Amino acid sequence: MPTGNRPGRALPVRMDGERGRGGRPSGPPRNGGYAIIILMIAISVLTVFMLMAVPLWQTTLQREAEEELLFRGRQYVAAIGLYLKNHNNLYAQNLEILHLEKFLRQLYKDPFAADGRWDLVFQDNSGARAKLLVVPAGQAKAYLGRAVLVGVCSSSPETGFREYRGKTKYNEWAFYLGGKENEDMPELQYEGRQ
């Protein structure tokens, strides 16, 4: 009896050397098709996880920008207060003078405005009751005779994740001298808008 052979079963004979067991081509095994399928599944799973992470990432960025908005607005208010104290109760005429006279480290940009420009907050004391006017920076010179610059306000109409002094839209978040952060935002009068 031959060794290693089972009775009744014949081994395939290779006549031309091109075919092996089961009629498959001889040579190294071909698993390339399975590797591509596994790679495509892995890429699909990673894509799904990345798409799930995008909203979380955007939310985190917006919350950080909100914190930056609060910081920058408070910096302008502090600079206006220092300017007022050092100039015998004379108010600054613009934001640039705060930077030039070293009351402000730099001219901070509005983190939510496309152009980075702030709206300015003026206090109008001409009537029986003082009003807070929110004016686009380009039209500020027209208000200097009748009102004084007391702060800044974001020019972005986007809605925030957090509430600041009872307001949710960034262009309602006014930072001004004398404002108390534990109280609701007073009525703001928007000027120079279409």
N, C-alpha and C. Protein backbone atom coordinates (compact mmCIF):
# COMPACT_ATOMS: atom_id res chain seq x y z
N MET A 1 0.85 -1.17 0.00
CA MET A 1 0.00 0.00 0.00
C MET A 1 0.89 1.22 0.00
N PRO A 2 0.61 2.20 -0.87
CA PRO A 2 1.43 3.39 -0.92
C PRO A 2 1.21 4.24 0.34
N THR A 3 2.26 4.92 0.76
CA THR A 3 2.15 5.74 1.95
C THR A 3 1.52 7.09 1.63
N GLY A 4 0.69 7.58 2.55
CA GLY A 4 0.10 8.91 2.42
C GLY A 4 -1.11 8.96 1.52
N ASN A 5 -1.46 7.89 0.84
CA ASN A 5 -2.64 7.91 -0.03
C ASN A 5 -3.75 7.12 0.61
N ARG A 6 -4.93 7.65 0.49
CA ARG A 6 -6.07 6.91 1.00
C ARG A 6 -6.59 6.02 -0.12
N PRO A 7 -7.09 4.89 0.22
CA PRO A 7 -7.60 4.00 -0.83
C PRO A 7 -8.81 4.63 -1.51
N GLY A 8 -8.90 4.48 -2.76
CA GLY A 8 -10.03 4.93 -3.55
C GLY A 8 -9.95 6.37 -4.00
N ARG A 9 -8.91 7.10 -3.65
CA ARG A 9 -8.83 8.50 -4.03
C ARG A 9 -7.54 8.71 -4.82
N ALA A 10 -7.70 9.26 -5.98
CA ALA A 10 -6.52 9.49 -6.82
C ALA A 10 -6.11 10.95 -6.76
N LEU A 11 -4.84 11.24 -6.79
CA LEU A 11 -4.33 12.60 -6.80
C LEU A 11 -4.39 13.14 -8.22
N PRO A 12 -4.65 14.47 -8.38
CA PRO A 12 -4.68 15.02 -9.73
C PRO A 12 -3.29 14.94 -10.34
N VAL A 13 -3.28 14.70 -11.61
CA VAL A 13 -2.02 14.60 -12.33
C VAL A 13 -1.78 15.89 -13.06
N ARG A 14 -0.57 16.42 -12.94
CA ARG A 14 -0.24 17.67 -13.60
C ARG A 14 0.50 17.32 -14.86
N MET A 15 -0.17 17.50 -15.95
CA MET A 15 0.43 17.16 -17.23
C MET A 15 1.24 18.33 -17.78
N ASP A 16 0.65 19.53 -17.76
CA ASP A 16 1.35 20.68 -18.36
C ASP A 16 1.94 21.62 -17.31
N GLY A 17 1.73 21.37 -16.04
CA GLY A 17 2.31 22.19 -14.99
C GLY A 17 1.54 23.46 -14.70
N GLU A 18 0.40 23.68 -15.33
CA GLU A 18 -0.35 24.92 -15.11
C GLU A 18 -1.49 24.78 -14.13
N ARG A 19 -1.95 23.63 -13.89
CA ARG A 19 -3.08 23.45 -12.98
C ARG A 19 -2.67 22.60 -11.79
N GLY A 20 -3.19 22.97 -10.63
CA GLY A 20 -2.92 22.23 -9.42
C GLY A 20 -4.18 21.57 -8.91
N ARG A 21 -4.30 21.42 -7.61
CA ARG A 21 -5.48 20.79 -7.01
C ARG A 21 -6.73 21.59 -7.27
N GLY A 22 -7.77 20.94 -7.54
CA GLY A 22 -9.06 21.60 -7.73
C GLY A 22 -9.13 22.42 -9.00
N GLY A 23 -8.23 22.34 -9.88
CA GLY A 23 -8.27 23.07 -11.13
C GLY A 23 -7.86 24.52 -11.01
N ARG A 24 -7.31 24.96 -9.86
CA ARG A 24 -6.87 26.34 -9.69
C ARG A 24 -5.47 26.50 -10.24
N PRO A 25 -5.15 27.73 -10.66
CA PRO A 25 -3.78 27.95 -11.13
C PRO A 25 -2.81 27.75 -9.98
N SER A 26 -1.64 27.23 -10.30
CA SER A 26 -0.64 27.03 -9.27
C SER A 26 0.07 28.34 -8.96
N GLY A 27 0.75 28.45 -7.86
CA GLY A 27 1.45 29.65 -7.45
C GLY A 27 0.98 30.12 -6.10
N PRO A 28 1.38 31.34 -5.66
CA PRO A 28 0.97 31.82 -4.34
C PRO A 28 -0.53 32.05 -4.28
N PRO A 29 -1.14 31.93 -3.10
CA PRO A 29 -2.59 32.16 -2.98
C PRO A 29 -2.93 33.61 -3.29
N ARG A 30 -4.10 33.82 -3.87
CA ARG A 30 -4.53 35.17 -4.27
C ARG A 30 -5.64 35.64 -3.34
N ASN A 31 -5.28 36.51 -2.36
CA ASN A 31 -6.25 37.07 -1.41
C ASN A 31 -6.45 38.56 -1.66
N GLY A 32 -6.03 39.08 -2.79
CA GLY A 32 -6.13 40.51 -3.09
C GLY A 32 -7.56 41.02 -3.08
N GLY A 33 -8.49 40.28 -3.51
CA GLY A 33 -9.89 40.70 -3.54
C GLY A 33 -10.45 40.92 -2.14
N TYR A 34 -10.09 40.05 -1.21
CA TYR A 34 -10.55 40.18 0.17
C TYR A 34 -9.93 41.38 0.84
N ALA A 35 -8.68 41.64 0.55
CA ALA A 35 -8.00 42.79 1.16
C ALA A 35 -8.65 44.09 0.72
N ILE A 36 -9.03 44.21 -0.53
CA ILE A 36 -9.68 45.42 -1.03
C ILE A 36 -11.05 45.61 -0.38
N ILE A 37 -11.79 44.52 -0.21
CA ILE A 37 -13.11 44.61 0.42
C ILE A 37 -12.96 45.06 1.88
N ILE A 38 -12.01 44.49 2.59
CA ILE A 38 -11.78 44.87 3.99
C ILE A 38 -11.36 46.34 4.07
N LEU A 39 -10.49 46.77 3.16
CA LEU A 39 -10.06 48.17 3.13
C LEU A 39 -11.24 49.11 2.88
N MET A 40 -12.12 48.76 1.96
CA MET A 40 -13.28 49.60 1.66
C MET A 40 -14.23 49.68 2.85
N ILE A 41 -14.41 48.56 3.56
CA ILE A 41 -15.27 48.57 4.75
C ILE A 41 -14.65 49.47 5.82
N ALA A 42 -13.34 49.36 6.02
CA ALA A 42 -12.67 50.18 7.02
C ALA A 42 -12.79 51.67 6.68
N ILE A 43 -12.63 52.02 5.42
CA ILE A 43 -12.76 53.42 5.00
C ILE A 43 -14.19 53.91 5.22
N SER A 44 -15.17 53.06 4.92
CA SER A 44 -16.58 53.44 5.13
C SER A 44 -16.86 53.69 6.61
N VAL A 45 -16.36 52.83 7.48
CA VAL A 45 -16.57 53.00 8.92
C VAL A 45 -15.90 54.29 9.40
N LEU A 46 -14.68 54.54 8.96
CA LEU A 46 -13.99 55.78 9.34
C LEU A 46 -14.73 57.01 8.85
N THR A 47 -15.27 56.95 7.65
CA THR A 47 -16.03 58.08 7.10
C THR A 47 -17.26 58.37 7.96
N VAL A 48 -17.97 57.32 8.36
CA VAL A 48 -19.15 57.51 9.21
C VAL A 48 -18.76 58.16 10.54
N PHE A 49 -17.68 57.69 11.15
CA PHE A 49 -17.23 58.28 12.42
C PHE A 49 -16.81 59.73 12.24
N MET A 50 -16.16 60.04 11.15
CA MET A 50 -15.74 61.42 10.90
C MET A 50 -16.95 62.32 10.67
N LEU A 51 -17.95 61.82 9.96
CA LEU A 51 -19.17 62.62 9.74
C LEU A 51 -19.91 62.86 11.05
N MET A 52 -19.83 61.91 11.96
CA MET A 52 -20.46 62.10 13.27
C MET A 52 -19.69 63.12 14.10
N ALA A 53 -18.39 63.23 13.89
CA ALA A 53 -17.55 64.13 14.68
C ALA A 53 -17.63 65.57 14.20
N VAL A 54 -18.02 65.81 12.95
CA VAL A 54 -18.03 67.17 12.41
C VAL A 54 -18.97 68.10 13.18
N PRO A 55 -20.21 67.73 13.47
CA PRO A 55 -21.07 68.65 14.25
C PRO A 55 -20.51 68.94 15.64
N LEU A 56 -19.96 67.94 16.28
CA LEU A 56 -19.36 68.14 17.60
C LEU A 56 -18.19 69.11 17.51
N TRP A 57 -17.38 68.95 16.49
CA TRP A 57 -16.23 69.84 16.28
C TRP A 57 -16.71 71.27 16.01
N GLN A 58 -17.75 71.43 15.17
CA GLN A 58 -18.28 72.77 14.88
C GLN A 58 -18.86 73.41 16.15
N THR A 59 -19.54 72.63 16.96
CA THR A 59 -20.09 73.14 18.21
C THR A 59 -18.98 73.60 19.14
N THR A 60 -17.93 72.82 19.23
CA THR A 60 -16.80 73.20 20.08
C THR A 60 -16.16 74.49 19.60
N LEU A 61 -15.98 74.62 18.29
CA LEU A 61 -15.40 75.85 17.74
C LEU A 61 -16.28 77.06 18.01
N GLN A 62 -17.60 76.89 17.87
CA GLN A 62 -18.51 78.02 18.10
C GLN A 62 -18.50 78.42 19.57
N ARG A 63 -18.46 77.46 20.47
CA ARG A 63 -18.42 77.78 21.90
C ARG A 63 -17.12 78.52 22.26
N GLU A 64 -16.01 78.09 21.66
CA GLU A 64 -14.74 78.79 21.90
C GLU A 64 -14.79 80.22 21.35
N ALA A 65 -15.42 80.39 20.19
CA ALA A 65 -15.55 81.73 19.62
C ALA A 65 -16.45 82.60 20.50
N GLU A 66 -17.47 82.02 21.12
CA GLU A 66 -18.32 82.77 22.05
C GLU A 66 -17.52 83.25 23.25
N GLU A 67 -16.68 82.39 23.79
CA GLU A 67 -15.83 82.79 24.91
C GLU A 67 -14.88 83.91 24.48
N GLU A 68 -14.36 83.80 23.26
CA GLU A 68 -13.47 84.84 22.75
C GLU A 68 -14.22 86.16 22.56
N LEU A 69 -15.47 86.09 22.11
CA LEU A 69 -16.30 87.28 21.96
C LEU A 69 -16.47 87.98 23.31
N LEU A 70 -16.77 87.21 24.34
CA LEU A 70 -16.93 87.78 25.68
C LEU A 70 -15.63 88.43 26.16
N PHE A 71 -14.51 87.73 25.97
CA PHE A 71 -13.22 88.26 26.39
C PHE A 71 -12.91 89.57 25.68
N ARG A 72 -13.06 89.58 24.36
CA ARG A 72 -12.71 90.78 23.58
C ARG A 72 -13.63 91.94 23.91
N GLY A 73 -14.93 91.68 24.06
CA GLY A 73 -15.86 92.75 24.42
C GLY A 73 -15.51 93.37 25.76
N ARG A 74 -15.16 92.52 26.72
CA ARG A 74 -14.78 93.02 28.04
C ARG A 74 -13.48 93.81 27.98
N GLN A 75 -12.56 93.43 27.10
CA GLN A 75 -11.31 94.17 26.95
C GLN A 75 -11.59 95.59 26.46
N TYR A 76 -12.51 95.73 25.51
CA TYR A 76 -12.86 97.07 25.02
C TYR A 76 -13.50 97.91 26.13
N VAL A 77 -14.37 97.30 26.92
CA VAL A 77 -15.02 98.05 28.01
C VAL A 77 -13.98 98.51 29.03
N ALA A 78 -13.06 97.63 29.38
CA ALA A 78 -12.01 98.00 30.34
C ALA A 78 -11.14 99.13 29.78
N ALA A 79 -10.82 99.06 28.49
CA ALA A 79 -9.99 100.11 27.87
C ALA A 79 -10.72 101.44 27.85
N ILE A 80 -12.02 101.42 27.55
CA ILE A 80 -12.80 102.67 27.55
C ILE A 80 -12.84 103.26 28.95
N GLY A 81 -13.00 102.42 29.96
CA GLY A 81 -13.01 102.89 31.35
C GLY A 81 -11.68 103.50 31.75
N LEU A 82 -10.57 102.87 31.36
CA LEU A 82 -9.25 103.43 31.68
C LEU A 82 -9.00 104.75 30.95
N TYR A 83 -9.44 104.81 29.69
CA TYR A 83 -9.28 106.05 28.93
C TYR A 83 -10.05 107.18 29.61
N LEU A 84 -11.27 106.89 30.00
CA LEU A 84 -12.12 107.89 30.66
C LEU A 84 -11.48 108.38 31.97
N LYS A 85 -10.92 107.47 32.72
CA LYS A 85 -10.29 107.81 33.99
C LYS A 85 -9.03 108.65 33.78
N ASN A 86 -8.24 108.32 32.79
CA ASN A 86 -6.97 109.02 32.56
C ASN A 86 -7.12 110.33 31.78
N HIS A 87 -8.29 110.57 31.20
CA HIS A 87 -8.49 111.79 30.41
C HIS A 87 -9.59 112.68 31.01
N ASN A 88 -9.66 112.72 32.33
CA ASN A 88 -10.59 113.62 33.04
C ASN A 88 -12.02 113.53 32.52
N ASN A 89 -12.53 112.31 32.46
CA ASN A 89 -13.91 112.04 32.05
C ASN A 89 -14.23 112.43 30.62
N LEU A 90 -13.23 112.46 29.76
CA LEU A 90 -13.47 112.63 28.32
C LEU A 90 -13.52 111.25 27.69
N TYR A 91 -14.52 111.04 26.84
CA TYR A 91 -14.69 109.73 26.20
C TYR A 91 -13.83 109.63 24.94
N ALA A 92 -13.40 108.42 24.63
CA ALA A 92 -12.64 108.17 23.41
C ALA A 92 -13.54 108.40 22.20
N GLN A 93 -12.95 108.89 21.12
CA GLN A 93 -13.72 109.16 19.90
C GLN A 93 -13.85 107.92 19.00
N ASN A 94 -12.90 106.98 19.17
CA ASN A 94 -12.93 105.76 18.36
C ASN A 94 -12.14 104.67 19.07
N LEU A 95 -12.16 103.48 18.52
CA LEU A 95 -11.44 102.36 19.12
C LEU A 95 -9.94 102.44 18.87
N GLU A 96 -9.55 103.03 17.77
CA GLU A 96 -8.13 103.10 17.41
C GLU A 96 -7.32 103.89 18.44
N ILE A 97 -7.93 104.93 19.00
CA ILE A 97 -7.20 105.74 19.98
C ILE A 97 -6.92 104.94 21.26
N LEU A 98 -7.78 103.99 21.56
CA LEU A 98 -7.55 103.14 22.73
C LEU A 98 -6.28 102.31 22.54
N HIS A 99 -6.08 101.87 21.32
CA HIS A 99 -4.88 101.08 21.02
C HIS A 99 -3.64 101.98 20.93
N LEU A 100 -3.79 103.12 20.28
CA LEU A 100 -2.64 104.03 20.12
C LEU A 100 -2.11 104.54 21.45
N GLU A 101 -3.01 104.77 22.39
CA GLU A 101 -2.59 105.27 23.70
C GLU A 101 -2.36 104.15 24.71
N LYS A 102 -2.26 102.93 24.24
CA LYS A 102 -1.89 101.76 25.04
C LYS A 102 -2.90 101.36 26.11
N PHE A 103 -4.16 101.66 25.89
CA PHE A 103 -5.19 101.18 26.80
C PHE A 103 -5.70 99.81 26.36
N LEU A 104 -5.33 99.44 25.15
CA LEU A 104 -5.75 98.17 24.56
C LEU A 104 -4.54 97.56 23.87
N ARG A 105 -4.27 96.29 24.11
CA ARG A 105 -3.09 95.66 23.52
C ARG A 105 -3.12 95.64 22.00
N GLN A 106 -4.29 95.37 21.48
CA GLN A 106 -4.48 95.32 20.03
C GLN A 106 -5.93 95.63 19.72
N LEU A 107 -6.21 95.92 18.46
CA LEU A 107 -7.60 96.10 18.04
C LEU A 107 -8.17 94.72 17.75
N TYR A 108 -8.92 94.22 18.70
CA TYR A 108 -9.48 92.88 18.58
C TYR A 108 -10.59 92.87 17.53
N LYS A 109 -10.64 91.81 16.75
CA LYS A 109 -11.70 91.65 15.75
C LYS A 109 -12.89 90.94 16.37
N ASP A 110 -14.05 91.22 15.82
CA ASP A 110 -15.27 90.51 16.20
C ASP A 110 -15.13 89.09 15.66
N PRO A 111 -15.11 88.06 16.52
CA PRO A 111 -14.89 86.70 16.04
C PRO A 111 -16.01 86.13 15.18
N PHE A 112 -17.17 86.75 15.19
CA PHE A 112 -18.29 86.23 14.40
C PHE A 112 -18.59 87.05 13.16
N ALA A 113 -18.03 88.22 13.03
CA ALA A 113 -18.28 89.06 11.85
C ALA A 113 -17.32 88.63 10.74
N ALA A 114 -17.81 88.57 9.52
CA ALA A 114 -16.99 88.16 8.38
C ALA A 114 -15.82 89.12 8.18
N ASP A 115 -16.06 90.41 8.35
CA ASP A 115 -14.99 91.39 8.16
C ASP A 115 -14.27 91.74 9.47
N GLY A 116 -14.73 91.19 10.60
CA GLY A 116 -14.08 91.44 11.88
C GLY A 116 -14.43 92.76 12.53
N ARG A 117 -15.31 93.55 11.91
CA ARG A 117 -15.64 94.88 12.44
C ARG A 117 -16.76 94.79 13.47
N TRP A 118 -16.60 95.57 14.51
CA TRP A 118 -17.60 95.66 15.57
C TRP A 118 -18.60 96.75 15.24
N ASP A 119 -19.79 96.61 15.76
CA ASP A 119 -20.69 97.75 15.85
C ASP A 119 -20.32 98.47 17.14
N LEU A 120 -20.51 99.78 17.16
CA LEU A 120 -20.14 100.56 18.33
C LEU A 120 -21.38 100.89 19.16
N VAL A 121 -21.20 100.93 20.46
CA VAL A 121 -22.30 101.25 21.37
C VAL A 121 -22.07 102.68 21.88
N PHE A 122 -23.04 103.53 21.60
CA PHE A 122 -23.00 104.92 22.06
C PHE A 122 -24.08 105.11 23.11
N GLN A 123 -23.81 106.00 24.04
CA GLN A 123 -24.82 106.38 25.02
C GLN A 123 -25.29 107.78 24.66
N ASP A 124 -26.58 107.89 24.37
CA ASP A 124 -27.19 109.16 24.01
C ASP A 124 -27.88 109.73 25.25
N ASN A 125 -27.35 110.81 25.77
CA ASN A 125 -27.90 111.44 26.97
C ASN A 125 -28.75 112.67 26.65
N SER A 126 -29.09 112.87 25.39
CA SER A 126 -29.80 114.09 25.00
C SER A 126 -31.26 114.09 25.42
N GLY A 127 -31.86 112.95 25.60
CA GLY A 127 -33.27 112.89 25.98
C GLY A 127 -33.44 112.85 27.49
N ALA A 128 -34.67 112.62 27.90
CA ALA A 128 -34.97 112.54 29.33
C ALA A 128 -34.32 111.31 29.95
N ARG A 129 -34.18 110.28 29.16
CA ARG A 129 -33.59 109.04 29.63
C ARG A 129 -32.46 108.64 28.70
N ALA A 130 -31.35 108.18 29.25
CA ALA A 130 -30.20 107.77 28.42
C ALA A 130 -30.57 106.53 27.61
N LYS A 131 -30.14 106.54 26.33
CA LYS A 131 -30.40 105.40 25.44
C LYS A 131 -29.07 104.84 24.98
N LEU A 132 -29.08 103.54 24.76
CA LEU A 132 -27.90 102.90 24.18
C LEU A 132 -28.15 102.70 22.68
N LEU A 133 -27.29 103.29 21.88
CA LEU A 133 -27.40 103.21 20.43
C LEU A 133 -26.34 102.26 19.90
N VAL A 134 -26.74 101.34 19.04
CA VAL A 134 -25.79 100.43 18.39
C VAL A 134 -25.65 100.91 16.95
N VAL A 135 -24.41 101.30 16.59
CA VAL A 135 -24.15 101.95 15.31
C VAL A 135 -23.05 101.19 14.56
N PRO A 136 -23.23 100.93 13.27
CA PRO A 136 -22.14 100.32 12.50
C PRO A 136 -20.91 101.23 12.55
N ALA A 137 -19.73 100.63 12.58
CA ALA A 137 -18.48 101.38 12.74
C ALA A 137 -18.30 102.44 11.65
N GLY A 138 -18.75 102.16 10.44
CA GLY A 138 -18.59 103.11 9.34
C GLY A 138 -19.42 104.37 9.48
N GLN A 139 -20.44 104.35 10.34
CA GLN A 139 -21.32 105.51 10.51
C GLN A 139 -21.14 106.19 11.86
N ALA A 140 -20.10 105.83 12.58
CA ALA A 140 -19.92 106.31 13.95
C ALA A 140 -19.70 107.81 14.03
N LYS A 141 -19.02 108.41 13.06
CA LYS A 141 -18.71 109.85 13.13
C LYS A 141 -19.98 110.71 13.21
N ALA A 142 -21.04 110.25 12.61
CA ALA A 142 -22.28 111.01 12.62
C ALA A 142 -22.90 111.10 14.02
N TYR A 143 -22.51 110.21 14.93
CA TYR A 143 -23.12 110.18 16.26
C TYR A 143 -22.23 110.79 17.34
N LEU A 144 -21.02 111.16 17.01
CA LEU A 144 -20.08 111.65 18.02
C LEU A 144 -20.52 112.97 18.67
N GLY A 145 -21.24 113.79 17.99
CA GLY A 145 -21.66 115.07 18.57
C GLY A 145 -22.75 114.93 19.60
N ARG A 146 -23.61 113.95 19.43
CA ARG A 146 -24.74 113.84 20.34
C ARG A 146 -24.66 112.67 21.31
N ALA A 147 -23.66 111.78 21.16
CA ALA A 147 -23.55 110.60 22.02
C ALA A 147 -22.07 110.31 22.27
N VAL A 148 -21.81 109.50 23.29
CA VAL A 148 -20.43 109.15 23.63
C VAL A 148 -20.23 107.64 23.45
N LEU A 149 -19.03 107.28 23.04
CA LEU A 149 -18.69 105.88 22.81
C LEU A 149 -18.49 105.19 24.17
N VAL A 150 -19.30 104.15 24.41
CA VAL A 150 -19.20 103.45 25.69
C VAL A 150 -18.92 101.95 25.54
N GLY A 151 -18.92 101.44 24.30
CA GLY A 151 -18.67 100.01 24.17
C GLY A 151 -18.77 99.50 22.74
N VAL A 152 -18.83 98.17 22.65
CA VAL A 152 -18.91 97.49 21.35
C VAL A 152 -20.00 96.44 21.39
N CYS A 153 -20.40 96.02 20.20
CA CYS A 153 -21.42 94.99 20.05
C CYS A 153 -21.08 94.19 18.79
N SER A 154 -21.27 92.90 18.83
CA SER A 154 -21.00 92.09 17.65
C SER A 154 -21.95 92.48 16.53
N SER A 155 -21.48 92.40 15.31
CA SER A 155 -22.34 92.74 14.17
C SER A 155 -22.96 91.50 13.54
N SER A 156 -22.72 90.32 14.11
CA SER A 156 -23.23 89.07 13.55
C SER A 156 -24.65 88.79 14.04
N PRO A 157 -25.58 88.49 13.13
CA PRO A 157 -26.95 88.17 13.55
C PRO A 157 -27.15 86.69 13.93
N GLU A 158 -26.08 85.90 13.97
CA GLU A 158 -26.21 84.47 14.29
C GLU A 158 -26.71 84.28 15.72
N THR A 159 -27.33 83.13 15.94
CA THR A 159 -27.80 82.77 17.27
C THR A 159 -26.73 81.94 17.97
N GLY A 160 -26.47 82.26 19.22
CA GLY A 160 -25.43 81.57 19.97
C GLY A 160 -25.96 80.35 20.70
N PHE A 161 -25.03 79.55 21.22
CA PHE A 161 -25.41 78.40 22.05
C PHE A 161 -25.77 78.85 23.46
N ARG A 162 -25.11 79.88 23.91
CA ARG A 162 -25.37 80.35 25.26
C ARG A 162 -26.19 81.62 25.22
N GLU A 163 -26.65 82.00 26.37
CA GLU A 163 -27.41 83.23 26.52
C GLU A 163 -26.55 84.22 27.31
N TYR A 164 -26.48 85.44 26.84
CA TYR A 164 -25.71 86.46 27.54
C TYR A 164 -26.66 87.59 27.92
N ARG A 165 -26.84 87.76 29.20
CA ARG A 165 -27.71 88.81 29.74
C ARG A 165 -29.11 88.76 29.13
N GLY A 166 -29.65 87.56 28.97
CA GLY A 166 -31.00 87.39 28.47
C GLY A 166 -31.12 87.42 26.96
N LYS A 167 -30.02 87.52 26.23
CA LYS A 167 -30.05 87.60 24.76
C LYS A 167 -29.29 86.41 24.16
N THR A 168 -29.78 85.94 23.00
CA THR A 168 -29.15 84.78 22.37
C THR A 168 -28.44 85.13 21.06
N LYS A 169 -28.83 86.22 20.40
CA LYS A 169 -28.17 86.60 19.14
C LYS A 169 -26.93 87.43 19.45
N TYR A 170 -25.87 87.19 18.68
CA TYR A 170 -24.61 87.87 18.95
C TYR A 170 -24.71 89.38 18.77
N ASN A 171 -25.53 89.86 17.84
CA ASN A 171 -25.64 91.30 17.65
C ASN A 171 -26.50 91.97 18.74
N GLU A 172 -26.96 91.19 19.69
CA GLU A 172 -27.66 91.73 20.86
C GLU A 172 -26.77 91.70 22.10
N TRP A 173 -25.56 91.14 21.95
CA TRP A 173 -24.63 91.07 23.07
C TRP A 173 -23.81 92.36 23.08
N ALA A 174 -24.27 93.35 23.79
CA ALA A 174 -23.57 94.64 23.87
C ALA A 174 -22.67 94.64 25.10
N PHE A 175 -21.47 95.11 24.90
CA PHE A 175 -20.49 95.27 25.98
C PHE A 175 -20.25 96.76 26.13
N TYR A 176 -20.65 97.33 27.25
CA TYR A 176 -20.59 98.79 27.39
C TYR A 176 -20.26 99.16 28.82
N LEU A 177 -19.73 100.34 28.96
CA LEU A 177 -19.32 100.88 30.25
C LEU A 177 -20.55 101.03 31.14
N GLY A 178 -20.47 100.50 32.35
CA GLY A 178 -21.58 100.60 33.30
C GLY A 178 -22.55 99.44 33.21
N GLY A 179 -22.35 98.55 32.25
CA GLY A 179 -23.23 97.39 32.13
C GLY A 179 -22.94 96.36 33.20
N LYS A 180 -23.98 95.83 33.84
CA LYS A 180 -23.82 94.82 34.88
C LYS A 180 -24.20 93.47 34.29
N GLU A 181 -23.24 92.55 34.32
CA GLU A 181 -23.43 91.27 33.65
C GLU A 181 -24.45 90.36 34.32
N ASN A 182 -24.82 90.64 35.55
CA ASN A 182 -25.82 89.82 36.23
C ASN A 182 -27.24 90.32 35.97
N GLU A 183 -27.39 91.41 35.23
CA GLU A 183 -28.72 91.95 34.89
C GLU A 183 -29.01 91.69 33.42
N ASP A 184 -30.30 91.70 33.08
CA ASP A 184 -30.68 91.55 31.68
C ASP A 184 -30.21 92.74 30.86
N MET A 185 -30.02 92.49 29.57
CA MET A 185 -29.58 93.54 28.66
C MET A 185 -30.68 94.59 28.53
N PRO A 186 -30.35 95.87 28.67
CA PRO A 186 -31.37 96.90 28.47
C PRO A 186 -31.75 96.99 27.00
N GLU A 187 -32.76 97.76 26.73
CA GLU A 187 -33.21 97.95 25.35
C GLU A 187 -32.12 98.65 24.54
N LEU A 188 -31.78 98.08 23.40
CA LEU A 188 -30.78 98.67 22.51
C LEU A 188 -31.50 99.27 21.29
N GLN A 189 -31.07 100.42 20.88
CA GLN A 189 -31.65 101.06 19.71
C GLN A 189 -30.63 100.94 18.57
N TYR A 190 -31.03 100.23 17.52
CA TYR A 190 -30.11 100.00 16.39
C TYR A 190 -30.24 101.12 15.36
N GLU A 191 -29.14 101.73 15.05
CA GLU A 191 -29.12 102.87 14.14
C GLU A 191 -28.37 102.50 12.85
N GLY A 192 -28.73 103.17 11.78
CA GLY A 192 -27.97 103.05 10.53
C GLY A 192 -28.06 101.71 9.85
N ARG A 193 -29.10 100.95 10.08
CA ARG A 193 -29.25 99.64 9.42
C ARG A 193 -30.39 99.73 8.42
N GLN A 194 -30.23 98.94 7.33
CA GLN A 194 -31.27 98.91 6.31
C GLN A 194 -32.29 97.85 6.65
